[in-house]
C-alpha atoms as a PDB file:
ATOM      1  CA  MET A   1      43.463 197.378  -9.406  1.00  0.00           C
ATOM      2  CA  ARG A   2      46.074 194.452  -8.932  1.00  0.00           C
ATOM      3  CA  ASP A   3      48.412 193.497 -11.789  1.00  0.00           C
ATOM      4  CA  ARG A   4      48.629 190.092 -12.514  1.00  0.00           C
ATOM      5  CA  GLY A   5      52.159 189.444 -10.628  1.00  0.00           C
ATOM      6  CA  THR A   6      49.840 190.803  -7.274  1.00  0.00           C
ATOM      7  CA  THR A   7      47.320 188.377  -8.419  1.00  0.00           C
ATOM      8  CA  TRP A   8      49.574 185.538  -9.300  1.00  0.00           C
ATOM      9  CA  LEU A   9      51.163 185.879  -5.552  1.00  0.00           C
ATOM     10  CA  LEU A  10      48.140 185.657  -3.874  1.00  0.00           C
ATOM     11  CA  VAL A  11      46.708 182.704  -5.804  1.00  0.00           C
ATOM     12  CA  MET A  12      49.756 181.314  -4.791  1.00  0.00           C
ATOM     13  CA  ALA A  13      49.680 181.782  -0.891  1.00  0.00           C
ATOM     14  CA  SER A  14      46.500 180.670  -0.879  1.00  0.00           C
ATOM     15  CA  LEU A  15      47.390 177.416  -2.446  1.00  0.00           C
ATOM     16  CA  SER A  16      50.084 177.266  -0.247  1.00  0.00           C
ATOM     17  CA  ALA A  17      47.819 177.248   3.247  1.00  0.00           C
ATOM     18  CA  PHE A  18      46.563 173.811   1.364  1.00  0.00           C
ATOM     19  CA  CYS A  19      49.407 172.269   0.358  1.00  0.00           C
ATOM     20  CA  PRO A  20      51.425 172.073   3.134  1.00  0.00           C
ATOM     21  CA  SER A  21      55.513 170.931   2.792  1.00  0.00           C
ATOM     22  CA  PRO A  22      57.087 167.379   3.514  1.00  0.00           C
ATOM     23  CA  LEU A  23      58.032 168.768   7.289  1.00  0.00           C
ATOM     24  CA  ARG A  24      54.172 169.954   8.161  1.00  0.00           C
ATOM     25  CA  SER A  25      52.825 166.577   6.352  1.00  0.00           C
ATOM     26  CA  GLN A  26      51.245 163.862   8.546  1.00  0.00           C
ATOM     27  CA  GLU A  27      53.164 162.142  10.397  1.00  0.00           C
ATOM     28  CA  LEU A  28      53.705 158.456   9.922  1.00  0.00           C
ATOM     29  CA  SER A  29      53.914 156.043  12.823  1.00  0.00           C
ATOM     30  CA  ALA A  30      57.143 154.310  13.785  1.00  0.00           C
ATOM     31  CA  ARG A  31      55.948 150.974  13.330  1.00  0.00           C
ATOM     32  CA  GLU A  32      54.985 152.048   9.513  1.00  0.00           C
ATOM     33  CA  ILE A  33      58.680 154.188   9.110  1.00  0.00           C
ATOM     34  CA  VAL A  34      60.481 150.920  10.357  1.00  0.00           C
ATOM     35  CA  SER A  35      58.465 148.666   7.759  1.00  0.00           C
ATOM     36  CA  ARG A  36      58.996 150.987   4.982  1.00  0.00           C
ATOM     37  CA  SER A  37      62.926 150.597   6.055  1.00  0.00           C
ATOM     38  CA  ALA A  38      62.986 146.939   5.997  1.00  0.00           C
ATOM     39  CA  ARG A  39      61.401 147.229   2.299  1.00  0.00           C
ATOM     40  CA  ALA A  40      63.943 150.143   1.356  1.00  0.00           C
ATOM     41  CA  MET A  41      66.832 148.305   2.516  1.00  0.00           C
ATOM     42  CA  ALA A  42      65.622 144.337   2.007  1.00  0.00           C
ATOM     43  CA  GLY A  43      63.534 144.517  -0.979  1.00  0.00           C
ATOM     44  CA  SER A  44      61.321 141.634  -0.213  1.00  0.00           C
ATOM     45  CA  GLY A  45      61.316 143.230   3.638  1.00  0.00           C
ATOM     46  CA  ASP A  46      62.371 140.570   5.073  1.00  0.00           C
ATOM     47  CA  ILE A  47      65.318 142.516   7.109  1.00  0.00           C
ATOM     48  CA  ALA A  48      65.519 139.494   9.674  1.00  0.00           C
ATOM     49  CA  SER A  49      67.242 137.229   6.961  1.00  0.00           C
ATOM     50  CA  LEU A  50      70.317 140.472   7.427  1.00  0.00           C
ATOM     51  CA  ARG A  51      71.959 137.730  10.385  1.00  0.00           C
ATOM     52  CA  THR A  52      75.893 138.832  10.545  1.00  0.00           C
ATOM     53  CA  LEU A  53      77.727 141.566   8.721  1.00  0.00           C
ATOM     54  CA  ARG A  54      81.890 141.775   8.252  1.00  0.00           C
ATOM     55  CA  LEU A  55      83.207 145.238   7.548  1.00  0.00           C
ATOM     56  CA  GLU A  56      86.431 147.409   7.792  1.00  0.00           C
ATOM     57  CA  GLU A  57      86.094 150.954   8.477  1.00  0.00           C
ATOM     58  CA  VAL A  58      88.927 152.982   7.267  1.00  0.00           C
ATOM     59  CA  LEU A  59      89.801 156.859   7.157  1.00  0.00           C
ATOM     60  CA  GLU A  60      89.601 158.046   3.995  1.00  0.00           C
ATOM     61  CA  GLY A  61      93.169 158.416   2.747  1.00  0.00           C
ATOM     62  CA  ARG A  62      94.589 156.106   5.197  1.00  0.00           C
ATOM     63  CA  ASP A  63      95.387 151.943   4.523  1.00  0.00           C
ATOM     64  CA  ARG A  64      94.635 150.134   7.206  1.00  0.00           C
ATOM     65  CA  GLY A  65      91.442 150.372   9.370  1.00  0.00           C
ATOM     66  CA  GLU A  66      89.320 148.873  12.266  1.00  0.00           C
ATOM     67  CA  LYS A  67      87.498 145.254  11.341  1.00  0.00           C
ATOM     68  CA  TRP A  68      84.035 144.697  12.780  1.00  0.00           C
ATOM     69  CA  GLU A  69      82.441 141.673  12.892  1.00  0.00           C
ATOM     70  CA  ILE A  70      78.850 141.418  14.162  1.00  0.00           C
ATOM     71  CA  ILE A  71      75.915 138.595  14.794  1.00  0.00           C
ATOM     72  CA  ARG A  72      72.586 140.362  15.289  1.00  0.00           C
ATOM     73  CA  PRO A  73      71.551 141.525  17.689  1.00  0.00           C
ATOM     74  CA  ASN A  74      74.483 142.089  20.331  1.00  0.00           C
ATOM     75  CA  LEU A  75      77.532 140.148  19.564  1.00  0.00           C
ATOM     76  CA  VAL A  76      80.485 142.449  18.408  1.00  0.00           C
ATOM     77  CA  ARG A  77      83.983 142.256  17.830  1.00  0.00           C
ATOM     78  CA  ARG A  78      86.267 144.902  16.581  1.00  0.00           C
ATOM     79  CA  GLN A  79      89.801 144.406  15.624  1.00  0.00           C
ATOM     80  CA  GLN A  80      92.483 146.848  14.734  1.00  0.00           C
ATOM     81  CA  GLU A  81      95.778 144.541  13.826  1.00  0.00           C
ATOM     82  CA  GLY A  82      98.663 145.504  16.308  1.00  0.00           C
ATOM     83  CA  ALA A  83      96.514 147.945  18.813  1.00  0.00           C
ATOM     84  CA  PHE A  84      93.478 145.801  20.181  1.00  0.00           C
ATOM     85  CA  ILE A  85      90.684 143.081  19.880  1.00  0.00           C
ATOM     86  CA  LEU A  86      87.637 144.333  21.674  1.00  0.00           C
ATOM     87  CA  LEU A  87      84.546 142.412  22.416  1.00  0.00           C
ATOM     88  CA  SER A  88      81.119 141.888  23.351  1.00  0.00           C
ATOM     89  CA  ASP A  89      79.249 138.164  23.667  1.00  0.00           C
ATOM     90  CA  GLY A  90      76.025 139.780  24.649  1.00  0.00           C
ATOM     91  CA  ARG A  91      76.245 139.964  28.196  1.00  0.00           C
ATOM     92  CA  ARG A  92      80.060 141.386  29.068  1.00  0.00           C
ATOM     93  CA  ALA A  93      82.394 143.269  26.857  1.00  0.00           C
ATOM     94  CA  GLY A  94      85.973 143.890  27.086  1.00  0.00           C
ATOM     95  CA  TYR A  95      89.800 143.381  25.193  1.00  0.00           C
ATOM     96  CA  LEU A  96      91.141 139.908  24.080  1.00  0.00           C
ATOM     97  CA  GLU A  97      94.192 141.840  23.430  1.00  0.00           C
ATOM     98  CA  GLY A  98      95.361 145.217  24.511  1.00  0.00           C
ATOM     99  CA  PRO A  99      95.318 148.548  24.651  1.00  0.00           C
ATOM    100  CA  ARG A 100      99.026 149.168  24.919  1.00  0.00           C
ATOM    101  CA  LEU A 101     100.812 149.798  28.129  1.00  0.00           C
ATOM    102  CA  ALA A 102     102.953 152.689  29.131  1.00  0.00           C
ATOM    103  CA  ASP A 103     106.005 149.857  27.936  1.00  0.00           C
ATOM    104  CA  GLY A 104     104.774 149.611  24.607  1.00  0.00           C
ATOM    105  CA  THR A 105     103.280 145.934  25.527  1.00  0.00           C
ATOM    106  CA  LEU A 106      99.818 144.985  24.802  1.00  0.00           C
ATOM    107  CA  GLN A 107      97.562 144.391  27.326  1.00  0.00           C
ATOM    108  CA  GLY A 108      96.043 140.247  28.096  1.00  0.00           C
ATOM    109  CA  PRO A 109      92.440 139.725  28.198  1.00  0.00           C
ATOM    110  CA  HIS A 110      90.399 141.443  30.810  1.00  0.00           C
ATOM    111  CA  LEU A 111      86.629 143.214  30.602  1.00  0.00           C
ATOM    112  CA  VAL A 112      85.667 146.677  30.951  1.00  0.00           C
ATOM    113  CA  PRO A 113      83.821 148.737  33.793  1.00  0.00           C
ATOM    114  CA  GLN A 114      80.723 147.094  33.852  1.00  0.00           C
ATOM    115  CA  GLU A 115      78.761 149.949  33.548  1.00  0.00           C
ATOM    116  CA  THR A 116      80.119 150.449  30.735  1.00  0.00           C
ATOM    117  CA  TYR A 117      78.814 147.370  28.729  1.00  0.00           C
ATOM    118  CA  TYR A 118      76.092 149.123  26.936  1.00  0.00           C
ATOM    119  CA  HIS A 119      78.656 150.957  24.972  1.00  0.00           C
ATOM    120  CA  PHE A 120      78.493 147.629  22.737  1.00  0.00           C
ATOM    121  CA  GLU A 121      74.987 148.112  21.791  1.00  0.00           C
ATOM    122  CA  MET A 122      75.575 151.503  20.856  1.00  0.00           C
ATOM    123  CA  ASP A 123      78.563 150.275  18.910  1.00  0.00           C
ATOM    124  CA  ILE A 124      76.530 148.195  16.812  1.00  0.00           C
ATOM    125  CA  SER A 125      73.739 150.250  16.390  1.00  0.00           C
ATOM    126  CA  ILE A 126      76.013 152.598  13.482  1.00  0.00           C
ATOM    127  CA  TYR A 127      75.705 149.508  11.559  1.00  0.00           C
ATOM    128  CA  VAL A 128      72.780 147.741  12.448  1.00  0.00           C
ATOM    129  CA  PRO A 129      69.458 150.052  12.449  1.00  0.00           C
ATOM    130  CA  ALA A 130      68.699 149.507  16.323  1.00  0.00           C
ATOM    131  CA  PHE A 131      65.022 150.130  15.385  1.00  0.00           C
ATOM    132  CA  PHE A 132      64.637 146.631  13.670  1.00  0.00           C
ATOM    133  CA  ASP A 133      65.768 144.776  16.636  1.00  0.00           C
ATOM    134  CA  TYR A 134      64.152 147.009  19.170  1.00  0.00           C
ATOM    135  CA  PRO A 135      60.837 149.330  19.641  1.00  0.00           C
ATOM    136  CA  ALA A 136      61.238 152.689  18.495  1.00  0.00           C
ATOM    137  CA  GLU A 137      59.560 156.103  18.844  1.00  0.00           C
ATOM    138  CA  TYR A 138      58.575 158.770  16.301  1.00  0.00           C
ATOM    139  CA  ALA A 139      60.477 161.553  17.503  1.00  0.00           C
ATOM    140  CA  GLY A 140      59.135 164.300  14.822  1.00  0.00           C
ATOM    141  CA  LEU A 141      60.857 165.593  11.550  1.00  0.00           C
ATOM    142  CA  THR A 142      64.153 167.118  10.250  1.00  0.00           C
ATOM    143  CA  THR A 143      65.947 167.275   7.311  1.00  0.00           C
ATOM    144  CA  VAL A 144      69.089 165.773   6.179  1.00  0.00           C
ATOM    145  CA  ASP A 145      70.529 168.320   3.570  1.00  0.00           C
ATOM    146  CA  GLY A 146      67.717 169.923   3.077  1.00  0.00           C
ATOM    147  CA  ASN A 147      65.763 166.422   2.587  1.00  0.00           C
ATOM    148  CA  PRO A 148      62.535 165.789   5.056  1.00  0.00           C
ATOM    149  CA  ALA A 149      63.491 162.873   7.247  1.00  0.00           C
ATOM    150  CA  HIS A 150      61.618 161.335   9.735  1.00  0.00           C
ATOM    151  CA  LEU A 151      63.279 160.683  13.190  1.00  0.00           C
ATOM    152  CA  LEU A 152      63.343 157.457  14.847  1.00  0.00           C
ATOM    153  CA  ARG A 153      64.506 156.807  18.750  1.00  0.00           C
ATOM    154  CA  VAL A 154      65.699 153.562  20.021  1.00  0.00           C
ATOM    155  CA  ASN A 155      66.120 153.339  23.855  1.00  0.00           C
ATOM    156  CA  LEU A 156      68.755 150.330  24.034  1.00  0.00           C
ATOM    157  CA  PRO A 157      68.093 147.129  26.401  1.00  0.00           C
ATOM    158  CA  ARG A 158      71.257 148.089  28.523  1.00  0.00           C
ATOM    159  CA  GLY A 159      70.174 151.956  28.664  1.00  0.00           C
ATOM    160  CA  GLY A 160      71.959 153.211  25.591  1.00  0.00           C
ATOM    161  CA  VAL A 161      70.025 155.736  23.296  1.00  0.00           C
ATOM    162  CA  VAL A 162      70.399 156.360  19.679  1.00  0.00           C
ATOM    163  CA  VAL A 163      68.307 158.387  17.005  1.00  0.00           C
ATOM    164  CA  TYR A 164      68.281 157.706  13.431  1.00  0.00           C
ATOM    165  CA  ALA A 165      66.994 159.969  10.633  1.00  0.00           C
ATOM    166  CA  ILE A 166      65.171 157.868   8.025  1.00  0.00           C
ATOM    167  CA  HIS A 167      64.977 160.033   4.427  1.00  0.00           C
ATOM    168  CA  ALA A 168      60.887 160.612   4.005  1.00  0.00           C
ATOM    169  CA  GLU A 169      60.988 158.978   0.514  1.00  0.00           C
ATOM    170  CA  SER A 170      63.569 156.417  -0.066  1.00  0.00           C
ATOM    171  CA  PHE A 171      63.049 155.130   3.489  1.00  0.00           C
ATOM    172  CA  LEU A 172      66.591 154.586   4.112  1.00  0.00           C
ATOM    173  CA  PRO A 173      68.634 155.643   7.291  1.00  0.00           C
ATOM    174  CA  VAL A 174      70.369 158.432   5.983  1.00  0.00           C
ATOM    175  CA  ARG A 175      71.937 159.515   9.834  1.00  0.00           C
ATOM    176  CA  VAL A 176      72.329 157.840  12.903  1.00  0.00           C
ATOM    177  CA  GLU A 177      73.301 159.803  16.570  1.00  0.00           C
ATOM    178  CA  LEU A 178      73.967 158.740  19.538  1.00  0.00           C
ATOM    179  CA  PRO A 179      73.536 161.759  21.871  1.00  0.00           C
ATOM    180  CA  GLU A 180      75.747 160.274  24.929  1.00  0.00           C
ATOM    181  CA  TRP A 181      78.756 160.021  22.693  1.00  0.00           C
ATOM    182  CA  ASN A 182      78.204 163.337  20.539  1.00  0.00           C
ATOM    183  CA  LEU A 183      78.524 161.319  17.696  1.00  0.00           C
ATOM    184  CA  ARG A 184      76.671 161.865  14.656  1.00  0.00           C
ATOM    185  CA  ARG A 185      77.456 160.149  11.021  1.00  0.00           C
ATOM    186  CA  GLN A 186      75.450 160.569   7.980  1.00  0.00           C
ATOM    187  CA  MET A 187      75.730 157.984   5.298  1.00  0.00           C
ATOM    188  CA  GLY A 188      75.609 158.005   1.895  1.00  0.00           C
ATOM    189  CA  ASP A 189      76.937 156.209  -0.975  1.00  0.00           C
ATOM    190  CA  PHE A 190      73.984 153.137  -0.581  1.00  0.00           C
ATOM    191  CA  ARG A 191      75.224 149.835  -3.059  1.00  0.00           C
ATOM    192  CA  GLN A 192      73.562 146.480  -2.911  1.00  0.00           C
ATOM    193  CA  VAL A 193      75.593 143.767  -1.208  1.00  0.00           C
ATOM    194  CA  GLY A 194      73.790 140.532  -0.771  1.00  0.00           C
ATOM    195  CA  GLY A 195      70.371 141.680  -1.184  1.00  0.00           C
ATOM    196  CA  PHE A 196      70.421 144.500   1.162  1.00  0.00           C
ATOM    197  CA  LEU A 197      71.043 148.089   0.519  1.00  0.00           C
ATOM    198  CA  LEU A 198      73.991 149.422   2.511  1.00  0.00           C
ATOM    199  CA  PRO A 199      75.797 152.633   3.272  1.00  0.00           C
ATOM    200  CA  HIS A 200      79.528 152.877   2.245  1.00  0.00           C
ATOM    201  CA  ARG A 201      80.492 155.857   3.063  1.00  0.00           C
ATOM    202  CA  THR A 202      79.662 157.585   6.523  1.00  0.00           C
ATOM    203  CA  TRP A 203      80.786 161.168   7.757  1.00  0.00           C
ATOM    204  CA  ASP A 204      80.000 163.974  10.474  1.00  0.00           C
ATOM    205  CA  PRO A 205      78.090 166.432   8.974  1.00  0.00           C
ATOM    206  CA  ARG A 206      79.900 168.932  11.384  1.00  0.00           C
ATOM    207  CA  ASP A 207      83.210 167.840   9.918  1.00  0.00           C
ATOM    208  CA  PRO A 208      82.445 166.578   6.370  1.00  0.00           C
ATOM    209  CA  SER A 209      86.526 166.225   5.716  1.00  0.00           C
ATOM    210  CA  GLN A 210      86.404 163.354   8.217  1.00  0.00           C
ATOM    211  CA  VAL A 211      85.148 160.178   6.079  1.00  0.00           C
ATOM    212  CA  ILE A 212      84.938 156.613   6.826  1.00  0.00           C
ATOM    213  CA  VAL A 213      84.956 154.223   4.401  1.00  0.00           C
ATOM    214  CA  LEU A 214      83.577 150.639   4.585  1.00  0.00           C
ATOM    215  CA  ARG A 215      85.406 148.424   2.262  1.00  0.00           C
ATOM    216  CA  ASN A 216      84.884 144.441   2.121  1.00  0.00           C
ATOM    217  CA  LEU A 217      81.434 144.591   3.325  1.00  0.00           C
ATOM    218  CA  THR A 218      79.875 141.178   3.287  1.00  0.00           C
ATOM    219  CA  VAL A 219      76.277 140.544   4.333  1.00  0.00           C
ATOM    220  CA  ASN A 220      75.162 136.774   6.135  1.00  0.00           C
ATOM    221  CA  PRO A 221      79.205 135.780   6.231  1.00  0.00           C
ATOM    222  CA  ASP A 222      79.807 132.455   8.540  1.00  0.00           C
ATOM    223  CA  LEU A 223      81.065 133.872  11.702  1.00  0.00           C
ATOM    224  CA  ASP A 224      82.541 131.567  14.004  1.00  0.00           C
ATOM    225  CA  ARG A 225      80.578 132.295  17.538  1.00  0.00           C
ATOM    226  CA  SER A 226      84.069 130.888  19.305  1.00  0.00           C
ATOM    227  CA  ARG A 227      85.519 134.205  18.497  1.00  0.00           C
ATOM    228  CA  PHE A 228      82.811 135.941  20.477  1.00  0.00           C
ATOM    229  CA  VAL A 229      83.856 134.255  23.296  1.00  0.00           C
ATOM    230  CA  PHE A 230      85.888 135.469  26.505  1.00  0.00           C
ATOM    231  CA  PRO A 231      88.773 132.761  27.992  1.00  0.00           C
ATOM    232  CA  ALA A 232      87.297 131.168  31.506  1.00  0.00           C
ATOM    233  CA  GLY A 233      88.246 133.197  34.090  1.00  0.00           C
ATOM    234  CA  ILE A 234      88.567 136.289  32.535  1.00  0.00           C
ATOM    235  CA  ARG A 235      88.048 139.804  34.892  1.00  0.00           C
END
C-alpha cells in the first residue's frame, strides 16, 4: 500500500507531463516576438519613432568613456576625447581622427579596410535591436539568469550576425551576442527615456565585474547629419 507522500509524487509527475515548463512551451514566431518586444520597449509599439540615440558608455568606476551618436538604421559616430573619432556614413567607415601613431600624434581622416565596414552595423546592433530594422529568424529557447528567453538571429545587410535573447515574459531584449567578436552583453536597469524603455547597464555574464554604465542617454536628439559625413577625397 502506497503512503500519501508516494501518491502525491506520482500525481505531480503525471501533471508535469501535461504542464510543460516554459522552455518546452510552444514557440512563438519571430514576427510575434518582434511585435511584443516593440510594445514592451515603446508602449504603443511604434518603435519606428525611435529615430536617433545619443549616449555615453562608461566602464563602471571610471569618469570618462566613449560617446555614441546613432541615426537608424546605419549611421553611427563614436568618439573618445583625445583618442579617436570613428564614423560610418551608411556606405563607408573610418576615422575622422586617430588613432595615435607611435610618436603620439593623432592620425588624420582615413577609411578602414572595406572588408570591415560591416563591423559598424554590428556596433549599432548593440544599442538598437537590429530585429526592428532587418528580418529576424527564430533560433530557439534559452535561459538568462534562470529565466526563459526566446532567441532571435539577425543577418545584417553587410554580413554581420547578431543574436538576441528576449525575455519570455517581459519581451525586453536582455542579452545581445555578436559571435564573430565573441562579444556577449547582458542588459539591465531598464528605464523610461523619451517614451521608450531602454537599458542603462550592460555586462559580460562571463565576467560580471566589467559593467558598462550608459550615461546621458537621450532619445531622438536632433543630430546634425553633417557630423556623419567624411571629408571629400578621404581614402
